[in-house]
Protein backbone atom coordinates (compact mmCIF):
# COMPACT_ATOMS: atom_id res chain seq x y z
CA UNK A 1 -28.32 -38.86 -9.58
CA UNK A 2 -24.96 -39.92 -10.03
CA UNK A 3 -24.47 -36.46 -11.07
CA UNK A 4 -25.40 -34.75 -7.65
CA UNK A 5 -22.58 -35.94 -5.93
CA UNK A 6 -20.02 -34.96 -8.81
CA UNK A 7 -21.03 -31.57 -9.23
CA UNK A 8 -21.22 -30.90 -5.45
CA UNK A 9 -17.87 -32.55 -5.13
CA UNK A 10 -17.00 -29.80 -8.10
CA UNK A 11 -18.19 -27.29 -5.91
CA UNK A 12 -17.00 -27.93 -2.71
CA UNK A 13 -13.33 -27.62 -4.32
CA UNK A 14 -14.12 -24.55 -6.39
CA UNK A 15 -15.54 -22.87 -3.08
CA UNK A 16 -11.72 -24.63 -1.36
CA UNK A 17 -9.09 -22.95 -4.29
CA UNK A 18 -11.65 -19.48 -3.39
CA UNK A 19 -11.16 -19.79 0.23
CA UNK A 20 -7.38 -20.58 -0.18
CA UNK A 21 -6.81 -17.84 -2.24
CA UNK A 22 -8.57 -15.36 0.24
CA UNK A 23 -6.52 -17.23 2.74
CA UNK A 24 -2.68 -16.39 0.45
CA UNK A 25 -4.09 -12.42 0.30
CA UNK A 26 -5.31 -12.35 3.43
CA UNK A 27 -1.92 -13.24 4.31
CA UNK A 28 0.17 -11.41 2.60
CA UNK A 29 -1.35 -8.66 3.32
CA UNK A 30 -0.78 -9.03 7.34
CA UNK A 31 2.89 -9.67 6.53
CA UNK A 32 3.37 -6.58 3.79
CA UNK A 33 1.41 -4.88 6.68
CA UNK A 34 3.65 -5.63 9.46
CA UNK A 35 6.33 -5.04 7.75
CA UNK A 36 5.39 -1.77 7.05
CA UNK A 37 4.53 -0.42 10.99
CA UNK A 38 8.32 -2.21 11.63
CA UNK A 39 9.69 0.12 9.35
CA UNK A 40 11.34 -3.16 7.91
CA UNK A 41 12.24 -2.16 4.59
CA UNK A 42 14.20 -5.00 3.25
CA UNK A 43 11.37 -7.29 3.96
CA UNK A 44 8.69 -4.65 2.56
CA UNK A 45 10.74 -5.40 -0.76
CA UNK A 46 9.56 -9.10 -0.83
CA UNK A 47 6.04 -8.18 -1.04
CA UNK A 48 6.46 -4.45 -3.36
CA UNK A 49 4.67 -5.44 -7.50
CA UNK A 50 8.53 -5.94 -9.24
CA UNK A 51 7.39 -4.16 -12.12
CA UNK A 52 8.54 -0.67 -9.74
CA UNK A 53 11.76 -2.04 -9.62
CA UNK A 54 12.31 -1.16 -13.17
CA UNK A 55 11.62 2.03 -12.65
CA UNK A 56 13.06 2.59 -9.26
CA UNK A 57 15.47 -0.03 -8.20
CA UNK A 58 15.27 -2.32 -5.15
CA UNK A 59 17.62 -0.87 -3.19
CA UNK A 60 17.35 2.38 -4.17
CA UNK A 61 13.61 2.52 -2.76
CA UNK A 62 14.98 0.85 0.48
CA UNK A 63 17.83 3.82 0.61
CA UNK A 64 14.47 6.47 0.03
CA UNK A 65 12.98 4.31 2.65
CA UNK A 66 15.56 4.64 5.43
CA UNK A 67 16.27 8.24 4.56
CA UNK A 68 12.83 9.64 4.61
CA UNK A 69 11.44 7.49 7.79
CA UNK A 70 14.91 8.46 10.01
CA UNK A 71 16.31 11.50 9.04
CA UNK A 72 18.19 14.40 11.46
CA UNK A 73 14.71 17.15 10.88
CA UNK A 74 12.55 13.81 11.59
CA UNK A 75 10.99 11.01 12.10
CA UNK A 76 7.99 8.50 10.56
CA UNK A 77 6.55 6.24 13.05
CA UNK A 78 3.48 3.54 11.26
CA UNK A 79 1.10 3.94 14.25
CA UNK A 80 -1.71 2.07 12.72
CA UNK A 81 -2.40 0.53 9.42
CA UNK A 82 -5.59 -1.30 8.22
CA UNK A 83 -7.26 -3.15 5.27
CA UNK A 84 -11.35 -1.56 5.25
CA UNK A 85 -12.05 -3.60 2.23
CA UNK A 86 -10.98 -6.19 -0.66
CA UNK A 87 -12.52 -6.53 -4.04
CA UNK A 88 -13.77 -8.96 -5.92
CA UNK A 89 -11.04 -10.30 -8.55
CA UNK A 90 -10.49 -8.67 -11.85
CA UNK A 91 -8.73 -10.90 -14.52
CA UNK A 92 -6.37 -9.31 -17.22
CA UNK A 93 -4.72 -11.85 -19.94
CA UNK A 94 -3.25 -14.17 -16.47
CA UNK A 95 -3.04 -11.86 -14.17
CA UNK A 96 -5.75 -10.87 -11.54
CA UNK A 97 -5.63 -7.75 -9.76
CA UNK A 98 -8.10 -6.70 -7.00
CA UNK A 99 -8.46 -3.15 -4.94
CA UNK A 100 -7.22 -2.96 -1.39
CA UNK A 101 -8.70 0.04 0.67
CA UNK A 102 -6.71 0.24 3.82
CA UNK A 103 -6.62 2.39 6.48
CA UNK A 104 -3.23 4.43 8.33
CA UNK A 105 -2.24 6.43 10.70
CA UNK A 106 1.29 8.22 10.37
CA UNK A 107 3.36 10.65 12.51
CA UNK A 108 5.80 13.17 11.83
CA UNK A 109 8.02 13.95 15.29
CA UNK A 110 10.83 16.75 14.12
CA UNK A 111 13.75 15.82 16.03
CA UNK A 112 15.56 19.38 14.89
CA UNK A 113 14.59 22.58 17.55
CA UNK A 114 15.99 24.70 14.99
CA UNK A 115 14.00 22.89 12.21
CA UNK A 116 11.12 23.16 14.46
CA UNK A 117 11.71 27.05 15.01
CA UNK A 118 11.53 27.58 11.64
CA UNK A 119 7.72 28.06 10.36
CA UNK A 120 8.57 28.74 6.26
CA UNK A 121 9.93 25.02 6.72
CA UNK A 122 7.20 23.53 8.73
CA UNK A 123 4.48 25.13 6.10
CA UNK A 124 6.36 24.03 3.60
CA UNK A 125 6.73 20.54 4.88
CA UNK A 126 3.00 20.68 5.50
CA UNK A 127 1.69 22.34 2.15
CA UNK A 128 4.01 19.03 0.90
CA UNK A 129 1.78 16.40 3.26
CA UNK A 130 -1.44 18.11 2.49
CA UNK A 131 -1.01 18.14 -1.22
CA UNK A 132 0.11 14.36 -1.48
CA UNK A 133 -2.51 13.16 1.33
CA UNK A 134 -4.91 15.94 1.19
CA UNK A 135 -4.97 18.64 3.75
CA UNK A 136 -8.24 17.14 5.78
CA UNK A 137 -6.18 14.48 6.89
CA UNK A 138 -3.42 16.23 8.31
CA UNK A 139 -2.68 18.41 11.93
CA UNK A 140 -0.12 19.89 13.30
CA UNK A 141 0.41 19.65 16.98
CA UNK A 142 3.20 21.97 17.30
CA UNK A 143 3.73 21.50 21.57
CA UNK A 144 4.41 18.19 20.84
CA UNK A 145 6.55 18.57 17.77
CA UNK A 146 4.46 16.54 15.73
CA UNK A 147 2.27 16.43 12.53
CA UNK A 148 -0.50 13.32 11.78
CA UNK A 149 -1.83 12.21 9.19
CA UNK A 150 -4.90 9.99 9.22
CA UNK A 151 -6.40 8.83 5.75
CA UNK A 152 -7.82 5.86 3.71
CA UNK A 153 -5.43 4.98 0.52
CA UNK A 154 -5.56 2.23 -2.43
CA UNK A 155 -3.02 -0.12 -3.27
CA UNK A 156 -3.14 -2.95 -5.41
CA UNK A 157 -3.08 -6.64 -4.67
CA UNK A 158 -1.32 -8.14 -7.90
CA UNK A 159 -0.72 -12.45 -8.46
CA UNK A 160 0.23 -12.62 -12.57
CA UNK A 161 -0.37 -16.08 -12.55
CA UNK A 162 -2.31 -18.93 -10.70
CA UNK A 163 1.42 -19.73 -9.07
CA UNK A 164 2.37 -16.37 -8.52
CA UNK A 165 1.95 -15.05 -4.78
CA UNK A 166 -0.04 -12.42 -3.70
CA UNK A 167 2.22 -8.87 -4.91
CA UNK A 168 1.23 -4.89 -3.74
CA UNK A 169 1.76 -1.74 -5.47
CA UNK A 170 0.29 1.49 -3.71
CA UNK A 171 -1.94 3.40 -6.14
CA UNK A 172 -1.31 7.40 -6.20
CA UNK A 173 -4.24 8.87 -8.41
CA UNK A 174 -1.41 12.05 -8.61
CA UNK A 175 0.42 9.98 -10.03
CA UNK A 176 -1.24 8.85 -13.22
CA UNK A 177 1.45 8.10 -15.98
CA UNK A 178 3.21 6.11 -13.13
CA UNK A 179 -0.02 4.26 -12.34
CA UNK A 180 -0.26 4.03 -16.26
CA UNK A 181 3.13 2.03 -16.69
CA UNK A 182 2.49 -0.28 -13.64
CA UNK A 183 -1.56 -0.98 -13.92
CA UNK A 184 -3.11 -1.91 -17.65
CA UNK A 185 -5.53 0.58 -18.34
CA UNK A 186 -8.32 -1.97 -18.94
CA UNK A 187 -7.57 -2.40 -14.80
CA UNK A 188 -7.82 1.10 -14.13
CA UNK A 189 -10.97 1.19 -15.65
CA UNK A 190 -12.35 -1.30 -13.89
CA UNK A 191 -12.30 -0.08 -10.71
CA UNK A 192 -13.39 3.10 -11.86
CA UNK A 193 -9.81 4.73 -10.45
């Protein structure tokens, strides 16, 4: 009979631990999405999976974000970011991986009137964005000098070990070689990517 209270205690501690892990993931995700939406690129770097910085240094990444999101031709705004689903964890070696499905709504507002009048430049940007995001997710609104994107995307939540915090890495299916450098093939196979 004494085994039942002990087993119940162990079960409750285990469930509490799972809830804390999920809570820490959700908390980190909320902060990450907020930093994205606010275009706080310095803060954003605190949530990026550090292995990426071996390929692109942190300072360079911040400069790229700043130049892309606000430049003489256009301003990009994050209109909506929300998590659609989080997979069960997959452990590989000492790390835990979760696939996070999310929705992103963005707007590109063209500022330069000469740029807007150049149909070839607009067409080139539309094609680049359609190639990256999928044509069905991109809409151009000429009377507002604006392009909108509504798409579902994937990122990985990665916890290198039990003591580390959750970090995030966007998954880009068109950059397979880069993804394989950052995410073990066993993980990609597990999530059918």
